[in-house]
C-alpha atoms as a PDB file:
ATOM      1  CA  MET A   1       9.977 -30.926  39.003  1.00  0.00           C
ATOM      2  CA  SER A   2       9.514 -29.353  42.726  1.00  0.00           C
ATOM      3  CA  ASP A   3       7.548 -31.035  45.295  1.00  0.00           C
ATOM      4  CA  ILE A   4       4.572 -28.791  45.087  1.00  0.00           C
ATOM      5  CA  GLN A   5       4.435 -28.269  41.587  1.00  0.00           C
ATOM      6  CA  ALA A   6       4.372 -32.285  42.017  1.00  0.00           C
ATOM      7  CA  LYS A   7       1.494 -32.202  44.220  1.00  0.00           C
ATOM      8  CA  GLN A   8      -0.265 -29.718  42.175  1.00  0.00           C
ATOM      9  CA  ARG A   9      -0.212 -31.607  39.190  1.00  0.00           C
ATOM     10  CA  LEU A  10      -1.869 -34.268  40.631  1.00  0.00           C
ATOM     11  CA  ARG A  11      -3.998 -32.623  42.779  1.00  0.00           C
ATOM     12  CA  PHE A  12      -7.207 -34.626  41.448  1.00  0.00           C
ATOM     13  CA  GLN A  13      -6.025 -37.644  41.878  1.00  0.00           C
ATOM     14  CA  GLY A  14      -8.568 -40.115  42.930  1.00  0.00           C
ATOM     15  CA  LYS A  15     -11.124 -37.872  41.680  1.00  0.00           C
ATOM     16  CA  THR A  16     -13.828 -37.865  38.981  1.00  0.00           C
ATOM     17  CA  ALA A  17     -15.426 -34.849  37.030  1.00  0.00           C
ATOM     18  CA  ILE A  18     -18.062 -34.263  34.889  1.00  0.00           C
ATOM     19  CA  VAL A  19     -17.577 -31.493  32.376  1.00  0.00           C
ATOM     20  CA  THR A  20     -20.828 -30.193  29.913  1.00  0.00           C
ATOM     21  CA  GLY A  21     -19.880 -28.609  27.058  1.00  0.00           C
ATOM     22  CA  ALA A  22     -16.826 -29.910  26.780  1.00  0.00           C
ATOM     23  CA  GLY A  23     -16.199 -30.400  23.003  1.00  0.00           C
ATOM     24  CA  SER A  24     -14.825 -27.167  23.049  1.00  0.00           C
ATOM     25  CA  GLY A  25     -13.331 -23.667  24.485  1.00  0.00           C
ATOM     26  CA  ILE A  26     -13.720 -23.581  28.273  1.00  0.00           C
ATOM     27  CA  GLY A  27     -15.167 -27.037  28.769  1.00  0.00           C
ATOM     28  CA  LYS A  28     -12.910 -28.892  26.842  1.00  0.00           C
ATOM     29  CA  ALA A  29      -9.832 -26.481  28.334  1.00  0.00           C
ATOM     30  CA  THR A  30     -10.931 -27.625  31.653  1.00  0.00           C
ATOM     31  CA  ALA A  31     -11.157 -30.997  30.554  1.00  0.00           C
ATOM     32  CA  ILE A  32      -7.508 -30.909  29.835  1.00  0.00           C
ATOM     33  CA  LYS A  33      -6.425 -29.171  33.059  1.00  0.00           C
ATOM     34  CA  LEU A  34      -8.350 -31.488  35.072  1.00  0.00           C
ATOM     35  CA  ALA A  35      -7.054 -34.549  33.077  1.00  0.00           C
ATOM     36  CA  ARG A  36      -3.511 -33.098  33.390  1.00  0.00           C
ATOM     37  CA  GLU A  37      -3.926 -32.905  37.702  1.00  0.00           C
ATOM     38  CA  GLY A  38      -4.791 -36.007  37.677  1.00  0.00           C
ATOM     39  CA  ALA A  39      -8.322 -36.064  37.474  1.00  0.00           C
ATOM     40  CA  LYS A  40     -10.859 -39.020  35.785  1.00  0.00           C
ATOM     41  CA  VAL A  41     -13.058 -37.016  33.486  1.00  0.00           C
ATOM     42  CA  ALA A  42     -16.806 -37.538  31.694  1.00  0.00           C
ATOM     43  CA  LEU A  43     -16.775 -35.264  28.896  1.00  0.00           C
ATOM     44  CA  PHE A  44     -20.722 -34.139  27.641  1.00  0.00           C
ATOM     45  CA  ASP A  45     -21.942 -32.733  24.739  1.00  0.00           C
ATOM     46  CA  LEU A  46     -23.125 -33.441  21.911  1.00  0.00           C
ATOM     47  CA  ASN A  47     -21.573 -36.449  20.014  1.00  0.00           C
ATOM     48  CA  ASP A  48     -19.558 -34.927  17.372  1.00  0.00           C
ATOM     49  CA  GLU A  49     -15.697 -34.448  15.978  1.00  0.00           C
ATOM     50  CA  ARG A  50     -15.127 -31.664  19.068  1.00  0.00           C
ATOM     51  CA  ILE A  51     -15.812 -33.870  21.804  1.00  0.00           C
ATOM     52  CA  ARG A  52     -14.092 -36.628  20.735  1.00  0.00           C
ATOM     53  CA  SER A  53     -10.722 -34.793  19.521  1.00  0.00           C
ATOM     54  CA  THR A  54     -10.893 -33.664  23.404  1.00  0.00           C
ATOM     55  CA  GLU A  55     -10.939 -37.424  24.209  1.00  0.00           C
ATOM     56  CA  HIS A  56      -7.996 -38.188  22.034  1.00  0.00           C
ATOM     57  CA  GLU A  57      -6.392 -35.021  23.285  1.00  0.00           C
ATOM     58  CA  ILE A  58      -6.768 -36.335  27.179  1.00  0.00           C
ATOM     59  CA  ASN A  59      -6.456 -40.440  26.869  1.00  0.00           C
ATOM     60  CA  GLU A  60      -3.938 -40.121  23.613  1.00  0.00           C
ATOM     61  CA  ILE A  61      -1.827 -36.482  24.153  1.00  0.00           C
ATOM     62  CA  PHE A  62      -1.628 -36.546  27.896  1.00  0.00           C
ATOM     63  CA  ARG A  63      -2.067 -40.166  29.142  1.00  0.00           C
ATOM     64  CA  GLY A  64      -4.983 -38.926  30.937  1.00  0.00           C
ATOM     65  CA  GLU A  65      -8.583 -41.055  31.499  1.00  0.00           C
ATOM     66  CA  SER A  66     -11.712 -39.520  30.247  1.00  0.00           C
ATOM     67  CA  LYS A  67     -14.821 -40.576  28.143  1.00  0.00           C
ATOM     68  CA  ALA A  68     -17.188 -39.006  25.959  1.00  0.00           C
ATOM     69  CA  PHE A  69     -20.544 -39.109  26.427  1.00  0.00           C
ATOM     70  CA  ASP A  70     -23.394 -38.056  24.032  1.00  0.00           C
ATOM     71  CA  VAL A  71     -25.629 -35.417  26.094  1.00  0.00           C
ATOM     72  CA  ASP A  72     -28.142 -33.095  25.350  1.00  0.00           C
ATOM     73  CA  VAL A  73     -28.244 -31.186  28.508  1.00  0.00           C
ATOM     74  CA  SER A  74     -31.772 -29.502  28.191  1.00  0.00           C
ATOM     75  CA  ASP A  75     -32.873 -33.149  27.575  1.00  0.00           C
ATOM     76  CA  ALA A  76     -34.030 -34.542  31.373  1.00  0.00           C
ATOM     77  CA  ALA A  77     -33.437 -38.204  30.406  1.00  0.00           C
ATOM     78  CA  ARG A  78     -30.339 -37.862  28.486  1.00  0.00           C
ATOM     79  CA  VAL A  79     -28.697 -36.314  31.205  1.00  0.00           C
ATOM     80  CA  GLU A  80     -29.737 -38.527  34.389  1.00  0.00           C
ATOM     81  CA  LYS A  81     -28.708 -41.689  31.959  1.00  0.00           C
ATOM     82  CA  ALA A  82     -25.307 -39.751  31.432  1.00  0.00           C
ATOM     83  CA  VAL A  83     -24.238 -38.719  34.990  1.00  0.00           C
ATOM     84  CA  ASN A  84     -25.529 -42.295  36.017  1.00  0.00           C
ATOM     85  CA  ASP A  85     -23.156 -43.929  33.309  1.00  0.00           C
ATOM     86  CA  ALA A  86     -20.535 -41.858  33.841  1.00  0.00           C
ATOM     87  CA  ALA A  87     -20.478 -42.172  37.968  1.00  0.00           C
ATOM     88  CA  GLN A  88     -20.902 -46.480  36.974  1.00  0.00           C
ATOM     89  CA  PHE A  89     -17.693 -46.211  34.581  1.00  0.00           C
ATOM     90  CA  PHE A  90     -15.558 -44.619  36.896  1.00  0.00           C
ATOM     91  CA  GLY A  91     -16.863 -45.903  40.081  1.00  0.00           C
ATOM     92  CA  SER A  92     -17.932 -42.199  41.904  1.00  0.00           C
ATOM     93  CA  LEU A  93     -18.519 -38.782  41.184  1.00  0.00           C
ATOM     94  CA  ASP A  94     -16.085 -35.555  42.661  1.00  0.00           C
ATOM     95  CA  ILE A  95     -16.401 -33.000  40.443  1.00  0.00           C
ATOM     96  CA  LEU A  96     -19.379 -31.302  38.394  1.00  0.00           C
ATOM     97  CA  PHE A  97     -18.717 -27.855  36.279  1.00  0.00           C
ATOM     98  CA  ALA A  98     -22.135 -27.163  34.800  1.00  0.00           C
ATOM     99  CA  ASN A  99     -20.669 -25.167  31.618  1.00  0.00           C
ATOM    100  CA  ALA A 100     -22.755 -26.327  28.655  1.00  0.00           C
ATOM    101  CA  GLY A 101     -24.769 -23.104  27.082  1.00  0.00           C
ATOM    102  CA  ILE A 102     -25.508 -20.543  24.312  1.00  0.00           C
ATOM    103  CA  ASN A 103     -25.851 -17.381  23.282  1.00  0.00           C
ATOM    104  CA  GLY A 104     -29.159 -17.869  21.566  1.00  0.00           C
ATOM    105  CA  THR A 105     -31.054 -15.532  19.535  1.00  0.00           C
ATOM    106  CA  TRP A 106     -30.435 -11.600  20.139  1.00  0.00           C
ATOM    107  CA  ALA A 107     -33.360  -9.457  19.093  1.00  0.00           C
ATOM    108  CA  PRO A 108     -35.633  -6.919  20.541  1.00  0.00           C
ATOM    109  CA  ILE A 109     -37.527  -8.180  22.967  1.00  0.00           C
ATOM    110  CA  GLU A 110     -41.427  -7.567  21.027  1.00  0.00           C
ATOM    111  CA  ASP A 111     -39.564  -9.012  17.396  1.00  0.00           C
ATOM    112  CA  MET A 112     -38.087 -12.383  20.126  1.00  0.00           C
ATOM    113  CA  GLN A 113     -39.995 -15.082  19.177  1.00  0.00           C
ATOM    114  CA  LEU A 114     -41.494 -16.933  22.058  1.00  0.00           C
ATOM    115  CA  GLU A 115     -39.510 -20.463  20.813  1.00  0.00           C
ATOM    116  CA  ASP A 116     -36.299 -18.935  20.528  1.00  0.00           C
ATOM    117  CA  TRP A 117     -36.745 -17.343  24.262  1.00  0.00           C
ATOM    118  CA  GLU A 118     -37.492 -20.846  25.619  1.00  0.00           C
ATOM    119  CA  ARG A 119     -35.134 -22.193  23.859  1.00  0.00           C
ATOM    120  CA  THR A 120     -32.340 -20.386  25.172  1.00  0.00           C
ATOM    121  CA  LEU A 121     -33.566 -20.893  29.116  1.00  0.00           C
ATOM    122  CA  ARG A 122     -34.338 -24.719  28.711  1.00  0.00           C
ATOM    123  CA  ILE A 123     -30.292 -24.831  27.077  1.00  0.00           C
ATOM    124  CA  ASN A 124     -28.910 -22.371  29.609  1.00  0.00           C
ATOM    125  CA  LEU A 125     -31.004 -22.751  32.588  1.00  0.00           C
ATOM    126  CA  ASN A 126     -32.756 -26.298  32.754  1.00  0.00           C
ATOM    127  CA  GLY A 127     -29.097 -27.442  31.601  1.00  0.00           C
ATOM    128  CA  THR A 128     -27.962 -26.131  34.757  1.00  0.00           C
ATOM    129  CA  PHE A 129     -31.003 -27.207  36.879  1.00  0.00           C
ATOM    130  CA  LEU A 130     -30.432 -30.942  35.098  1.00  0.00           C
ATOM    131  CA  SER A 131     -26.608 -31.578  35.431  1.00  0.00           C
ATOM    132  CA  LEU A 132     -27.165 -30.797  39.845  1.00  0.00           C
ATOM    133  CA  LYS A 133     -30.021 -32.828  39.389  1.00  0.00           C
ATOM    134  CA  TYR A 134     -28.959 -35.682  38.545  1.00  0.00           C
ATOM    135  CA  ALA A 135     -25.063 -35.420  40.125  1.00  0.00           C
ATOM    136  CA  ILE A 136     -25.978 -34.235  43.339  1.00  0.00           C
ATOM    137  CA  PRO A 137     -26.943 -37.968  44.846  1.00  0.00           C
ATOM    138  CA  HIS A 138     -23.904 -39.180  43.535  1.00  0.00           C
ATOM    139  CA  LEU A 139     -21.803 -35.876  44.922  1.00  0.00           C
ATOM    140  CA  LYS A 140     -23.940 -36.757  48.352  1.00  0.00           C
ATOM    141  CA  LYS A 141     -22.898 -40.594  48.266  1.00  0.00           C
ATOM    142  CA  LYS A 142     -19.004 -39.470  47.642  1.00  0.00           C
ATOM    143  CA  GLY A 143     -19.569 -37.135  50.833  1.00  0.00           C
ATOM    144  CA  ALA A 144     -18.550 -34.420  48.988  1.00  0.00           C
ATOM    145  CA  GLY A 145     -18.156 -32.629  46.157  1.00  0.00           C
ATOM    146  CA  SER A 146     -17.196 -29.219  44.287  1.00  0.00           C
ATOM    147  CA  ILE A 147     -19.956 -27.523  41.710  1.00  0.00           C
ATOM    148  CA  ILE A 148     -18.700 -24.738  39.018  1.00  0.00           C
ATOM    149  CA  ILE A 149     -21.084 -23.256  37.274  1.00  0.00           C
ATOM    150  CA  THR A 150     -20.363 -21.153  34.018  1.00  0.00           C
ATOM    151  CA  SER A 151     -22.502 -18.084  34.280  1.00  0.00           C
ATOM    152  CA  SER A 152     -21.597 -14.587  32.279  1.00  0.00           C
ATOM    153  CA  ILE A 153     -20.661 -10.589  33.156  1.00  0.00           C
ATOM    154  CA  ASN A 154     -23.815 -10.656  30.924  1.00  0.00           C
ATOM    155  CA  GLY A 155     -26.892 -10.589  33.669  1.00  0.00           C
ATOM    156  CA  LEU A 156     -25.136  -8.713  36.237  1.00  0.00           C
ATOM    157  CA  ASP A 157     -22.465  -6.456  35.327  1.00  0.00           C
ATOM    158  CA  ARG A 158     -22.898  -5.416  31.986  1.00  0.00           C
ATOM    159  CA  PHE A 159     -25.928  -5.119  29.616  1.00  0.00           C
ATOM    160  CA  ALA A 160     -24.549  -4.050  26.380  1.00  0.00           C
ATOM    161  CA  GLY A 161     -25.533  -6.938  24.803  1.00  0.00           C
ATOM    162  CA  TRP A 162     -28.183  -5.650  22.940  1.00  0.00           C
ATOM    163  CA  GLY A 163     -31.052  -7.569  22.404  1.00  0.00           C
ATOM    164  CA  ALA A 164     -29.728 -10.269  24.499  1.00  0.00           C
ATOM    165  CA  SER A 165     -32.439 -10.666  26.753  1.00  0.00           C
ATOM    166  CA  ALA A 166     -33.314 -14.267  27.263  1.00  0.00           C
ATOM    167  CA  TYR A 167     -28.969 -15.000  28.049  1.00  0.00           C
ATOM    168  CA  SER A 168     -28.858 -12.561  30.063  1.00  0.00           C
ATOM    169  CA  THR A 169     -31.760 -13.433  32.104  1.00  0.00           C
ATOM    170  CA  THR A 170     -30.085 -17.089  32.079  1.00  0.00           C
ATOM    171  CA  LYS A 171     -27.238 -15.762  33.282  1.00  0.00           C
ATOM    172  CA  ALA A 172     -28.841 -14.025  36.049  1.00  0.00           C
ATOM    173  CA  GLY A 173     -30.893 -16.928  37.007  1.00  0.00           C
ATOM    174  CA  GLN A 174     -27.883 -19.437  36.924  1.00  0.00           C
ATOM    175  CA  VAL A 175     -26.216 -17.312  39.850  1.00  0.00           C
ATOM    176  CA  ALA A 176     -29.177 -17.209  41.963  1.00  0.00           C
ATOM    177  CA  PHE A 177     -29.757 -20.983  41.630  1.00  0.00           C
ATOM    178  CA  ALA A 178     -26.343 -21.581  42.600  1.00  0.00           C
ATOM    179  CA  LYS A 179     -26.565 -19.292  45.763  1.00  0.00           C
ATOM    180  CA  MET A 180     -29.694 -21.747  46.878  1.00  0.00           C
ATOM    181  CA  ALA A 181     -27.968 -24.681  45.549  1.00  0.00           C
ATOM    182  CA  ALA A 182     -24.897 -23.606  48.037  1.00  0.00           C
ATOM    183  CA  LEU A 183     -26.700 -23.300  50.801  1.00  0.00           C
ATOM    184  CA  GLU A 184     -28.827 -26.499  50.356  1.00  0.00           C
ATOM    185  CA  LEU A 185     -25.653 -28.241  50.157  1.00  0.00           C
ATOM    186  CA  ALA A 186     -23.388 -27.031  52.179  1.00  0.00           C
ATOM    187  CA  LYS A 187     -24.328 -29.611  55.211  1.00  0.00           C
ATOM    188  CA  PHE A 188     -23.274 -31.937  52.961  1.00  0.00           C
ATOM    189  CA  LYS A 189     -20.005 -30.806  52.374  1.00  0.00           C
ATOM    190  CA  ILE A 190     -20.769 -29.810  48.707  1.00  0.00           C
ATOM    191  CA  ARG A 191     -19.775 -26.838  47.386  1.00  0.00           C
ATOM    192  CA  VAL A 192     -20.847 -24.511  44.875  1.00  0.00           C
ATOM    193  CA  ASN A 193     -19.543 -21.594  43.215  1.00  0.00           C
ATOM    194  CA  VAL A 194     -19.924 -19.475  39.952  1.00  0.00           C
ATOM    195  CA  ILE A 195     -17.652 -17.862  37.482  1.00  0.00           C
ATOM    196  CA  SER A 196     -18.824 -14.965  35.425  1.00  0.00           C
ATOM    197  CA  PRO A 197     -16.234 -14.697  32.251  1.00  0.00           C
ATOM    198  CA  GLY A 198     -15.924 -11.835  30.193  1.00  0.00           C
ATOM    199  CA  ALA A 199     -15.273 -12.267  26.349  1.00  0.00           C
ATOM    200  CA  ILE A 200     -13.257 -15.356  26.256  1.00  0.00           C
ATOM    201  CA  ALA A 201     -11.706 -16.732  22.644  1.00  0.00           C
ATOM    202  CA  THR A 202     -14.018 -19.544  22.263  1.00  0.00           C
ATOM    203  CA  ASN A 203     -16.736 -20.162  19.586  1.00  0.00           C
ATOM    204  CA  ILE A 204     -19.780 -19.612  21.531  1.00  0.00           C
ATOM    205  CA  ASP A 205     -20.594 -16.982  19.015  1.00  0.00           C
ATOM    206  CA  GLU A 206     -21.488 -20.068  16.666  1.00  0.00           C
ATOM    207  CA  SER A 207     -24.736 -19.996  19.051  1.00  0.00           C
ATOM    208  CA  THR A 208     -25.526 -16.670  17.824  1.00  0.00           C
ATOM    209  CA  GLU A 209     -28.148 -15.799  15.869  1.00  0.00           C
ATOM    210  CA  LEU A 210     -28.858 -11.913  15.374  1.00  0.00           C
ATOM    211  CA  SER A 211     -31.980 -10.930  14.158  1.00  0.00           C
ATOM    212  CA  ASP A 212     -31.993  -8.083  11.572  1.00  0.00           C
ATOM    213  CA  GLU A 213     -34.523  -5.314  13.790  1.00  0.00           C
ATOM    214  CA  LEU A 214     -31.109  -5.091  16.288  1.00  0.00           C
ATOM    215  CA  LYS A 215     -29.480  -2.152  14.557  1.00  0.00           C
ATOM    216  CA  GLU A 216     -32.924  -0.468  15.818  1.00  0.00           C
ATOM    217  CA  ILE A 217     -31.926  -0.520  19.670  1.00  0.00           C
ATOM    218  CA  VAL A 218     -28.150  -0.929  19.205  1.00  0.00           C
ATOM    219  CA  ILE A 219     -26.687   2.483  21.592  1.00  0.00           C
ATOM    220  CA  PRO A 220     -23.097   3.066  19.911  1.00  0.00           C
ATOM    221  CA  VAL A 221     -20.392   2.638  22.350  1.00  0.00           C
ATOM    222  CA  GLU A 222     -16.718   2.869  20.955  1.00  0.00           C
ATOM    223  CA  TYR A 223     -13.717   2.576  23.254  1.00  0.00           C
ATOM    224  CA  PRO A 224     -10.756   3.991  21.659  1.00  0.00           C
ATOM    225  CA  GLU A 225      -7.825   1.163  23.186  1.00  0.00           C
ATOM    226  CA  GLY A 226     -10.874  -1.764  23.107  1.00  0.00           C
ATOM    227  CA  SER A 227     -12.585  -3.354  25.654  1.00  0.00           C
ATOM    228  CA  GLN A 228     -10.198  -5.572  27.875  1.00  0.00           C
ATOM    229  CA  PRO A 229      -8.178  -2.945  29.843  1.00  0.00           C
ATOM    230  CA  LEU A 230      -5.942  -5.757  31.648  1.00  0.00           C
ATOM    231  CA  ALA A 231      -5.250  -7.449  27.861  1.00  0.00           C
ATOM    232  CA  ASP A 232      -4.581  -6.753  24.374  1.00  0.00           C
ATOM    233  CA  GLY A 233      -8.200  -8.663  23.628  1.00  0.00           C
ATOM    234  CA  PRO A 234     -10.452 -11.278  25.243  1.00  0.00           C
ATOM    235  CA  GLY A 235      -9.128 -13.966  27.611  1.00  0.00           C
ATOM    236  CA  GLN A 236      -8.066 -17.237  26.925  1.00  0.00           C
ATOM    237  CA  PRO A 237     -10.017 -20.861  27.862  1.00  0.00           C
ATOM    238  CA  GLU A 238      -7.254 -21.686  29.615  1.00  0.00           C
ATOM    239  CA  ASP A 239      -7.578 -18.422  31.806  1.00  0.00           C
ATOM    240  CA  VAL A 240     -11.109 -19.678  33.108  1.00  0.00           C
ATOM    241  CA  ALA A 241      -9.756 -23.069  33.167  1.00  0.00           C
ATOM    242  CA  ASP A 242      -7.228 -22.492  36.325  1.00  0.00           C
ATOM    243  CA  LEU A 243      -9.811 -20.611  37.700  1.00  0.00           C
ATOM    244  CA  VAL A 244     -12.624 -23.642  37.896  1.00  0.00           C
ATOM    245  CA  CYS A 245      -9.735 -25.777  38.311  1.00  0.00           C
ATOM    246  CA  PHE A 246      -8.965 -23.732  41.687  1.00  0.00           C
ATOM    247  CA  LEU A 247     -12.666 -23.654  42.965  1.00  0.00           C
ATOM    248  CA  ALA A 248     -12.816 -27.728  42.755  1.00  0.00           C
ATOM    249  CA  SER A 249      -9.914 -28.058  44.444  1.00  0.00           C
ATOM    250  CA  ASP A 250      -9.193 -28.209  48.132  1.00  0.00           C
ATOM    251  CA  GLU A 251      -7.433 -25.464  48.040  1.00  0.00           C
ATOM    252  CA  ALA A 252     -10.689 -23.339  47.922  1.00  0.00           C
ATOM    253  CA  LYS A 253     -12.463 -25.640  50.655  1.00  0.00           C
ATOM    254  CA  HIS A 254     -14.306 -22.888  52.658  1.00  0.00           C
ATOM    255  CA  ILE A 255     -15.501 -21.101  49.484  1.00  0.00           C
ATOM    256  CA  THR A 256     -18.721 -21.579  48.449  1.00  0.00           C
ATOM    257  CA  GLY A 257     -21.920 -19.853  47.132  1.00  0.00           C
ATOM    258  CA  ALA A 258     -18.818 -17.235  45.260  1.00  0.00           C
ATOM    259  CA  ARG A 259     -19.581 -15.824  42.558  1.00  0.00           C
ATOM    260  CA  ILE A 260     -16.519 -14.679  40.688  1.00  0.00           C
ATOM    261  CA  ARG A 261     -15.786 -12.299  37.480  1.00  0.00           C
ATOM    262  CA  ILE A 262     -12.784 -12.913  35.161  1.00  0.00           C
ATOM    263  CA  ASP A 263     -12.922 -10.317  32.361  1.00  0.00           C
ATOM    264  CA  GLY A 264      -9.783  -8.205  33.155  1.00  0.00           C
ATOM    265  CA  ALA A 265     -11.475  -5.813  34.220  1.00  0.00           C
ATOM    266  CA  GLU A 266     -13.966  -5.530  31.276  1.00  0.00           C
ATOM    267  CA  ALA A 267     -17.138  -5.040  32.931  1.00  0.00           C
ATOM    268  CA  LEU A 268     -16.228  -1.923  34.882  1.00  0.00           C
ATOM    269  CA  LEU A 269     -15.540   0.321  32.165  1.00  0.00           C
END
């Protein structure tokens, strides 16, 4: 291994990260990469087999250090307790990857129920707000930090997710929130950036509830060669993990308030 490779492998040595939605997909891939590069990782997700699997892979397979926390990011009390417990357990907090979210209900606006709209906003927007709210005091205590928020190309770059008005609203809202946070926290040396993935091979579609009325508003669009120009299909969670780890690292020390699209040119079609 070269000196450069060794340095990169341990670029998060001595640092602690919180990853929300760490049980699968982008969250899991990022948690593993952070751990492999030296970070101690607090894994936030609902307490099930997936989050335990992530914890096992990091601690047993990759010989890293992680701990799973049972967290519903829309529940303020649970988020506050988990953040404080994680900071106490690991001794500090340096990185927050606010990644947890759902697709929620996709339906025509007139057919969407208020409770479905509110559930998507509660998990995606409130969850992001609560994660930052309770992490910031610990980052300030450390004197610096990096926050990365997972948004999407939906809501800012493309609007062909028929019926995804609630989802797209949360994704656009996360970007505005991140830019406000970046300005507010800059004097504390805390950076805040947003990633906007396109189609990524994860299991988030399991959280999608499609209404029967969707067929009434869909405008058919077909691409003869597919919809990801840079690849033969969706991106991989590891592709996004690479970007998150770059933004979390000192290599991105002058980057804050940025939104970076990672979609293989999907949104340009």
